[in-house]
Amino acid sequence: MKFLKKSILFMFIAIFMLEFTACDGGNKKGNTERSGNADESIKFSEVMALSKEDAGEKIYSINDKDFKAVGVLNNISSINYNTNNNTTVYTNIISQGTNLTKNYISIVYKGKKDSINDEYSYGDLRLSPDGKRIALRSFSQDSPFAAEGLSVYNTSTGKKIDFDKEVIVSGDLYRWDSENNLLYYGVQSGEKDYGKIYSYDFQNSTRKIVFDKFNGYCTFFAPTINGSFIYIENNIDTNNMYYYDSNLNKSILIGNTIDKIEDYVIDNKNGIIYFIGKENNMNGSSVYKLTIGNKSLKRITYDFPKLVDETGGMAIDASGKLYFCGLDTNGNNIYMYLSENNSVNLVTNKSGTYHIIQNLR
């Protein structure tokens, strides 16, 4: 039975690695002239929102309840930026395929422009804290089964960086732990286990195992502080959420009610993780608050808004205000959560198609 269970779980891992998520990014070579779609006059603030408008896209700055348009864009589906290092990465739409969006990546690094445009589609972009590297995954054709896996590029040169070729990374399970270290979950070629979390040091070109104590397959993980992280482990029919304390070298069970986490942000100052998740037997997603100190998990959205937009993005500003999107019949609205009085407040006065983005600091 143990062998059968392990074989089934390994099969789940293989399927999960091919799992389709909504992707934006890269086109074929020859489209570099389209990288001028971004408005270079835009002044990026700490929290922004990208909105799909009739004439293209607009970008808004958000500061508390101050919500104002600061620029117009053209065929841009997502933005990753770091104002401290003057780095902005745009995902440019070319056309909508049957399964994926055909697109490419344009990079503006300290005024210098480059493009990533060798594949059909790119998605799940993650900029390093110093803005010097971008991790992403790509697809060679208009098919979720044409996955090319995880790649990392240098934002100052636009060139691909060769690194770990032995680990098959599962879906979008990769996160920057620091400016030089990328964490990723996957299975090493030739091995049949539940997978491990690895760390790759780009400064020293070395890989090491960070965590290998899974009793199922990992569906989510997020680094917190001092080498600790939260993760969800699926063991056939149960999704268990744990907090791994690196100081104690111990996994602490938080609960088994969360089926899936779509997005998250971390308030390191106050030791809080906010995430958009879905509980067992619930139709829609909600926003949750996990306090790292006592490992307590609390749902913070119920009827206002009734439904949280799981693809609307999340952001947290320097004062600890959380921003997210809630759905209504006309689209979505932007909301702000204040931890000090446990209140949810409406930021926008009209529904739209908003996606929240945040400066990496």
Protein backbone atom coordinates (compact mmCIF):
# COMPACT_ATOMS: atom_id res chain seq x y z
CA MET A 1 0.00 0.00 0.00
CA LYS A 2 2.81 2.39 0.85
CA PHE A 3 4.43 1.81 -2.54
CA LEU A 4 1.07 2.25 -4.32
CA LYS A 5 0.37 5.47 -2.42
CA LYS A 6 3.80 6.85 -3.27
CA SER A 7 3.38 5.92 -6.95
CA ILE A 8 0.00 7.69 -7.11
CA LEU A 9 1.47 10.80 -5.53
CA PHE A 10 4.36 10.84 -7.99
CA MET A 11 1.83 10.65 -10.81
CA PHE A 12 0.03 13.65 -9.31
CA ILE A 13 3.32 15.56 -9.28
CA ALA A 14 3.86 14.88 -12.97
CA ILE A 15 0.34 16.09 -13.76
CA PHE A 16 0.73 19.14 -11.54
CA MET A 17 3.91 20.16 -13.36
CA LEU A 18 1.87 20.44 -16.55
CA GLU A 19 -0.96 22.29 -14.87
CA PHE A 20 -2.19 25.22 -16.91
CA THR A 21 -2.31 28.63 -15.31
CA ALA A 22 -3.25 31.86 -17.04
CA CYS A 23 -0.06 32.98 -18.71
CA ASP A 24 1.18 36.22 -20.22
CA GLY A 25 4.50 36.80 -21.92
CA GLY A 26 6.97 36.20 -24.79
CA ASN A 27 6.64 36.08 -28.54
CA LYS A 28 8.81 34.88 -31.35
CA LYS A 29 11.88 36.77 -32.45
CA GLY A 30 11.24 39.72 -34.70
CA ASN A 31 8.78 41.51 -32.41
CA THR A 32 11.29 43.59 -30.47
CA GLU A 33 10.03 46.75 -32.16
CA ARG A 34 6.82 46.39 -30.14
CA SER A 35 8.62 46.88 -26.84
CA GLY A 36 7.76 50.59 -26.93
CA ASN A 37 4.19 49.94 -25.74
CA ALA A 38 4.96 51.25 -22.24
CA ASP A 39 4.64 54.93 -21.28
CA GLU A 40 8.08 55.87 -19.99
CA SER A 41 6.72 59.03 -18.37
CA ILE A 42 4.82 57.01 -15.75
CA LYS A 43 6.01 57.65 -12.22
CA PHE A 44 5.66 54.36 -10.34
CA SER A 45 4.46 54.57 -6.76
CA GLU A 46 4.41 51.98 -3.99
CA VAL A 47 1.03 50.46 -4.91
CA MET A 48 -0.50 50.66 -8.40
CA ALA A 49 -3.40 49.19 -10.34
CA LEU A 50 -3.42 48.22 -14.00
CA SER A 51 -6.85 48.57 -15.60
CA LYS A 52 -8.24 47.33 -18.91
CA GLU A 53 -10.02 50.25 -20.58
CA ASP A 54 -11.91 50.59 -23.88
CA ALA A 55 -8.97 52.37 -25.52
CA GLY A 56 -6.24 50.22 -23.97
CA GLU A 57 -4.91 50.09 -20.43
CA LYS A 58 -4.56 52.73 -17.76
CA ILE A 59 -2.34 52.63 -14.73
CA TYR A 60 -3.41 54.14 -11.42
CA SER A 61 -1.55 55.02 -8.25
CA ILE A 62 -3.12 54.01 -4.92
CA ASN A 63 -2.37 55.71 -1.62
CA ASP A 64 -4.93 54.95 1.07
CA LYS A 65 -8.19 56.05 -0.62
CA ASP A 66 -6.42 58.34 -3.07
CA PHE A 67 -6.89 56.64 -6.44
CA LYS A 68 -5.77 58.47 -9.59
CA ALA A 69 -4.74 57.72 -13.16
CA VAL A 70 -1.06 58.36 -13.90
CA GLY A 71 -0.57 56.94 -17.39
CA VAL A 72 -1.91 55.13 -20.45
CA LEU A 73 -0.52 51.85 -21.79
CA ASN A 74 -1.07 49.72 -24.88
CA ASN A 75 -1.42 45.90 -24.84
CA ILE A 76 0.25 45.47 -21.45
CA SER A 77 -1.16 42.66 -19.30
CA SER A 78 1.16 42.85 -16.28
CA ILE A 79 4.01 44.90 -14.81
CA ASN A 80 6.78 43.98 -12.37
CA TYR A 81 8.84 46.89 -11.08
CA ASN A 82 11.45 48.01 -8.58
CA THR A 83 11.79 51.78 -8.22
CA ASN A 84 14.88 51.57 -6.01
CA ASN A 85 16.84 49.89 -8.81
CA ASN A 86 15.00 51.55 -11.69
CA THR A 87 13.80 48.26 -13.18
CA THR A 88 10.44 47.71 -14.93
CA VAL A 89 9.37 44.51 -16.68
CA TYR A 90 6.30 44.56 -18.94
CA THR A 91 4.31 41.65 -20.31
CA ASN A 92 3.18 42.66 -23.81
CA ILE A 93 0.14 41.09 -25.47
CA ILE A 94 0.41 40.11 -29.14
CA SER A 95 -2.76 38.06 -29.63
CA GLN A 96 -5.07 35.66 -27.84
CA GLY A 97 -4.50 32.03 -28.73
CA THR A 98 -6.87 29.14 -28.18
CA ASN A 99 -5.25 28.18 -24.88
CA LEU A 100 -2.62 30.80 -24.08
CA THR A 101 -1.97 34.46 -24.69
CA LYS A 102 0.79 35.02 -27.24
CA ASN A 103 3.06 37.65 -25.75
CA TYR A 104 6.59 38.73 -24.95
CA ILE A 105 8.57 40.47 -22.22
CA SER A 106 10.13 43.92 -22.43
CA ILE A 107 12.63 45.08 -19.82
CA VAL A 108 13.61 48.64 -18.98
CA TYR A 109 16.67 48.59 -16.72
CA LYS A 110 18.05 52.02 -15.79
CA GLY A 111 16.87 53.39 -19.13
CA LYS A 112 18.23 50.47 -21.20
CA LYS A 113 15.68 48.35 -23.09
CA ASP A 114 15.75 44.62 -23.83
CA SER A 115 13.22 41.99 -24.83
CA ILE A 116 12.63 38.31 -24.09
CA ASN A 117 10.87 36.94 -27.14
CA ASP A 118 12.06 33.44 -28.03
CA GLU A 119 8.91 31.51 -27.02
CA TYR A 120 5.19 31.66 -27.74
CA SER A 121 4.09 32.65 -24.22
CA TYR A 122 5.58 33.69 -20.87
CA GLY A 123 3.97 33.88 -17.46
CA ASP A 124 4.30 33.86 -13.67
CA LEU A 125 7.02 36.52 -13.70
CA ARG A 126 8.86 37.10 -10.42
CA LEU A 127 11.39 39.90 -10.10
CA SER A 128 14.23 39.49 -7.62
CA PRO A 129 14.29 41.94 -4.67
CA ASP A 130 17.19 43.90 -6.20
CA GLY A 131 15.56 43.97 -9.64
CA LYS A 132 18.57 42.33 -11.30
CA ARG A 133 16.95 39.01 -12.27
CA ILE A 134 13.53 37.88 -13.44
CA ALA A 135 12.24 34.31 -13.00
CA LEU A 136 9.47 33.09 -15.30
CA ARG A 137 8.15 30.09 -17.14
CA SER A 138 7.44 29.77 -20.83
CA PHE A 139 5.49 27.78 -23.42
CA SER A 140 6.81 27.05 -26.90
CA GLN A 141 3.34 26.69 -28.47
CA ASP A 142 -0.29 27.56 -27.81
CA SER A 143 -0.72 24.61 -25.46
CA PRO A 144 -0.42 24.09 -21.70
CA PHE A 145 1.50 20.90 -22.55
CA ALA A 146 4.22 22.88 -24.35
CA ALA A 147 5.79 24.04 -21.08
CA GLU A 148 9.47 24.91 -21.30
CA GLY A 149 9.91 25.09 -17.52
CA LEU A 150 11.53 27.66 -15.26
CA SER A 151 13.98 30.20 -16.66
CA VAL A 152 15.88 33.13 -15.15
CA TYR A 153 17.05 36.21 -17.06
CA ASN A 154 19.42 39.04 -16.27
CA THR A 155 17.43 42.30 -16.44
CA SER A 156 20.50 44.42 -17.25
CA THR A 157 21.37 42.37 -20.35
CA GLY A 158 18.13 40.57 -21.21
CA LYS A 159 20.10 37.33 -21.44
CA LYS A 160 19.13 33.95 -20.04
CA ILE A 161 21.12 32.63 -17.09
CA ASP A 162 22.07 28.95 -17.11
CA PHE A 163 21.39 27.24 -13.79
CA ASP A 164 19.99 24.00 -12.34
CA LYS A 165 19.18 21.63 -15.23
CA GLU A 166 18.48 18.56 -13.06
CA VAL A 167 15.34 19.57 -11.15
CA ILE A 168 11.95 19.57 -12.89
CA VAL A 169 10.15 22.50 -11.26
CA SER A 170 6.47 22.04 -10.50
CA GLY A 171 4.28 24.68 -12.15
CA ASP A 172 4.78 28.17 -10.71
CA LEU A 173 6.28 26.99 -7.39
CA TYR A 174 9.33 29.25 -7.33
CA ARG A 175 9.96 32.32 -5.16
CA TRP A 176 12.85 34.68 -4.51
CA ASP A 177 14.14 34.29 -0.96
CA SER A 178 16.69 37.10 -1.33
CA GLU A 179 18.34 39.06 -4.12
CA ASN A 180 20.63 36.14 -5.02
CA ASN A 181 18.65 33.07 -3.87
CA LEU A 182 15.74 31.49 -5.70
CA LEU A 183 13.65 28.80 -3.99
CA TYR A 184 11.79 26.24 -6.10
CA TYR A 185 9.89 22.99 -5.55
CA GLY A 186 10.33 20.03 -7.85
CA VAL A 187 11.65 16.55 -8.49
CA GLN A 188 15.19 15.76 -9.55
CA SER A 189 15.46 13.86 -12.82
CA GLY A 190 15.43 10.10 -12.26
CA GLU A 191 14.01 10.30 -8.74
CA LYS A 192 10.53 9.14 -7.72
CA ASP A 193 9.69 10.95 -4.52
CA TYR A 194 7.35 13.64 -3.24
CA GLY A 195 9.65 16.43 -4.37
CA LYS A 196 11.86 18.86 -2.45
CA ILE A 197 12.33 22.59 -2.03
CA TYR A 198 15.69 23.67 -3.41
CA SER A 199 17.63 26.92 -3.19
CA TYR A 200 19.89 28.18 -5.95
CA ASP A 201 22.51 30.82 -5.16
CA PHE A 202 23.14 32.79 -8.36
CA GLN A 203 26.11 34.60 -6.87
CA ASN A 204 28.00 31.36 -6.23
CA SER A 205 26.23 29.13 -8.79
CA THR A 206 25.35 26.50 -6.15
CA ARG A 207 22.23 24.50 -5.37
CA LYS A 208 21.19 22.98 -2.07
CA ILE A 209 18.18 21.18 -0.60
CA VAL A 210 16.18 23.40 1.74
CA PHE A 211 13.35 21.03 2.69
CA ASP A 212 12.75 17.34 1.92
CA LYS A 213 10.28 16.19 4.57
CA PHE A 214 7.12 16.10 2.44
CA ASN A 215 4.58 13.34 3.05
CA GLY A 216 2.60 14.33 -0.03
CA TYR A 217 3.12 16.76 -2.88
CA CYS A 218 3.49 20.51 -2.37
CA THR A 219 0.83 22.75 -3.97
CA PHE A 220 1.99 26.07 -2.48
CA PHE A 221 4.89 27.55 -0.53
CA ALA A 222 6.04 31.03 0.42
CA PRO A 223 9.23 32.05 2.24
CA THR A 224 8.82 34.29 5.28
CA ILE A 225 11.87 35.29 7.35
CA ASN A 226 15.13 33.65 8.48
CA GLY A 227 14.73 30.66 6.17
CA SER A 228 11.22 29.75 7.39
CA PHE A 229 8.21 29.34 5.10
CA ILE A 230 4.59 28.25 4.91
CA TYR A 231 3.48 25.45 2.62
CA ILE A 232 0.46 23.36 1.66
CA GLU A 233 0.93 19.64 1.28
CA ASN A 234 -1.63 17.44 -0.45
CA ASN A 235 -1.76 13.89 0.86
CA ILE A 236 -4.25 12.23 -1.52
CA ASP A 237 -7.45 13.68 -0.01
CA THR A 238 -6.27 16.26 2.53
CA ASN A 239 -4.62 19.67 2.10
CA ASN A 240 -2.57 20.46 5.18
CA MET A 241 -1.08 23.91 5.74
CA TYR A 242 2.18 24.04 7.71
CA TYR A 243 4.62 26.62 8.95
CA TYR A 244 8.20 25.40 8.75
CA ASP A 245 10.30 27.00 11.50
CA SER A 246 13.91 26.89 10.33
CA ASN A 247 15.24 27.69 13.81
CA LEU A 248 13.48 24.66 15.29
CA ASN A 249 13.79 22.59 12.09
CA LYS A 250 10.15 21.72 12.66
CA SER A 251 6.88 21.84 10.67
CA ILE A 252 3.92 23.20 12.65
CA LEU A 253 0.41 22.33 11.44
CA ILE A 254 -1.76 25.42 10.93
CA GLY A 255 -4.88 23.68 9.63
CA ASN A 256 -6.45 21.60 6.87
CA THR A 257 -9.31 23.83 5.71
CA ILE A 258 -7.54 25.74 2.91
CA ASP A 259 -7.70 23.96 -0.44
CA LYS A 260 -5.81 26.47 -2.54
CA ILE A 261 -3.90 29.75 -2.32
CA GLU A 262 -4.02 32.01 -5.37
CA ASP A 263 -1.91 34.98 -4.24
CA TYR A 264 -0.18 36.32 -1.15
CA VAL A 265 1.77 39.23 0.36
CA ILE A 266 3.87 39.38 3.51
CA ASP A 267 3.92 42.16 6.08
CA ASN A 268 7.36 41.46 7.52
CA LYS A 269 7.17 44.46 9.83
CA ASN A 270 4.17 43.03 11.70
CA GLY A 271 4.80 39.33 11.05
CA ILE A 272 1.63 38.76 9.00
CA ILE A 273 0.94 36.82 5.81
CA TYR A 274 -2.16 37.79 3.85
CA PHE A 275 -3.43 35.50 1.10
CA ILE A 276 -6.34 34.92 -1.24
CA GLY A 277 -7.51 31.37 -0.69
CA LYS A 278 -10.37 28.96 -1.01
CA GLU A 279 -11.64 26.80 1.85
CA ASN A 280 -13.07 23.30 1.67
CA ASN A 281 -16.56 23.19 0.15
CA MET A 282 -16.63 26.95 -0.57
CA ASN A 283 -17.53 28.26 -4.04
CA GLY A 284 -15.53 31.49 -3.95
CA SER A 285 -12.27 32.86 -2.59
CA SER A 286 -11.68 35.03 0.47
CA VAL A 287 -8.81 36.95 2.04
CA TYR A 288 -7.08 35.38 5.05
CA LYS A 289 -4.64 36.65 7.63
CA LEU A 290 -1.97 34.37 9.12
CA THR A 291 -0.12 35.73 12.13
CA ILE A 292 3.32 34.14 12.15
CA GLY A 293 3.97 34.57 15.88
CA ASN A 294 1.10 32.44 17.17
CA LYS A 295 0.34 30.65 13.86
CA SER A 296 -3.29 31.80 14.01
CA LEU A 297 -5.32 31.85 10.79
CA LYS A 298 -8.25 34.25 10.39
CA ARG A 299 -10.64 34.92 7.51
CA ILE A 300 -11.08 38.69 7.05
CA THR A 301 -13.61 38.97 4.16
CA TYR A 302 -17.20 37.73 4.30
CA ASP A 303 -19.97 39.86 2.77
CA PHE A 304 -17.89 42.96 1.93
CA PRO A 305 -16.91 42.00 -0.63
CA LYS A 306 -18.82 38.76 -0.90
CA LEU A 307 -16.42 37.43 -3.54
CA VAL A 308 -12.72 38.18 -3.79
CA ASP A 309 -11.13 38.37 -7.24
CA GLU A 310 -8.51 35.63 -7.08
CA THR A 311 -6.73 37.01 -10.16
CA GLY A 312 -6.95 40.67 -9.09
CA GLY A 313 -3.60 40.80 -7.31
CA MET A 314 -2.63 41.92 -3.80
CA ALA A 315 -0.32 44.56 -2.36
CA ILE A 316 0.70 45.93 1.02
CA ASP A 317 2.16 49.39 1.61
CA ALA A 318 4.82 50.47 4.10
CA SER A 319 2.21 51.34 6.74
CA GLY A 320 0.64 47.85 6.59
CA LYS A 321 -2.49 48.68 4.54
CA LEU A 322 -3.58 45.72 2.41
CA TYR A 323 -5.12 46.19 -1.05
CA PHE A 324 -7.07 43.59 -3.02
CA CYS A 325 -9.97 43.30 -5.50
CA GLY A 326 -13.54 42.19 -4.91
CA LEU A 327 -15.97 41.09 -7.61
CA ASP A 328 -19.41 42.44 -8.44
CA THR A 329 -21.74 42.16 -11.42
CA ASN A 330 -19.90 44.90 -13.36
CA GLY A 331 -16.32 43.71 -12.84
CA ASN A 332 -14.17 44.30 -9.79
CA ASN A 333 -13.50 47.03 -7.24
CA ILE A 334 -10.42 47.76 -5.13
CA TYR A 335 -10.62 47.36 -1.36
CA MET A 336 -8.31 48.26 1.50
CA TYR A 337 -7.98 46.33 4.76
CA LEU A 338 -6.80 48.04 7.95
CA SER A 339 -5.37 45.61 10.49
CA GLU A 340 -5.53 48.04 13.43
CA ASN A 341 -9.34 48.13 13.44
CA ASN A 342 -10.04 45.02 11.36
CA SER A 343 -11.99 47.02 8.75
CA VAL A 344 -12.45 46.59 5.00
CA ASN A 345 -12.89 49.82 3.03
CA LEU A 346 -13.84 50.55 -0.58
CA VAL A 347 -11.16 52.45 -2.53
CA THR A 348 -12.69 52.79 -6.02
CA ASN A 349 -16.08 54.34 -6.73
CA LYS A 350 -16.70 52.46 -9.97
CA SER A 351 -16.22 48.88 -11.07
CA GLY A 352 -13.57 48.05 -13.64
CA THR A 353 -11.06 45.39 -14.63
CA TYR A 354 -8.30 46.11 -12.15
CA HIS A 355 -5.16 44.21 -11.28
CA ILE A 356 -3.11 45.42 -8.32
CA ILE A 357 0.69 45.57 -8.55
CA GLN A 358 3.32 46.53 -6.01
CA ASN A 359 6.82 47.96 -5.87
CA LEU A 360 9.46 45.47 -4.73
CA ARG A 361 11.25 46.97 -1.73
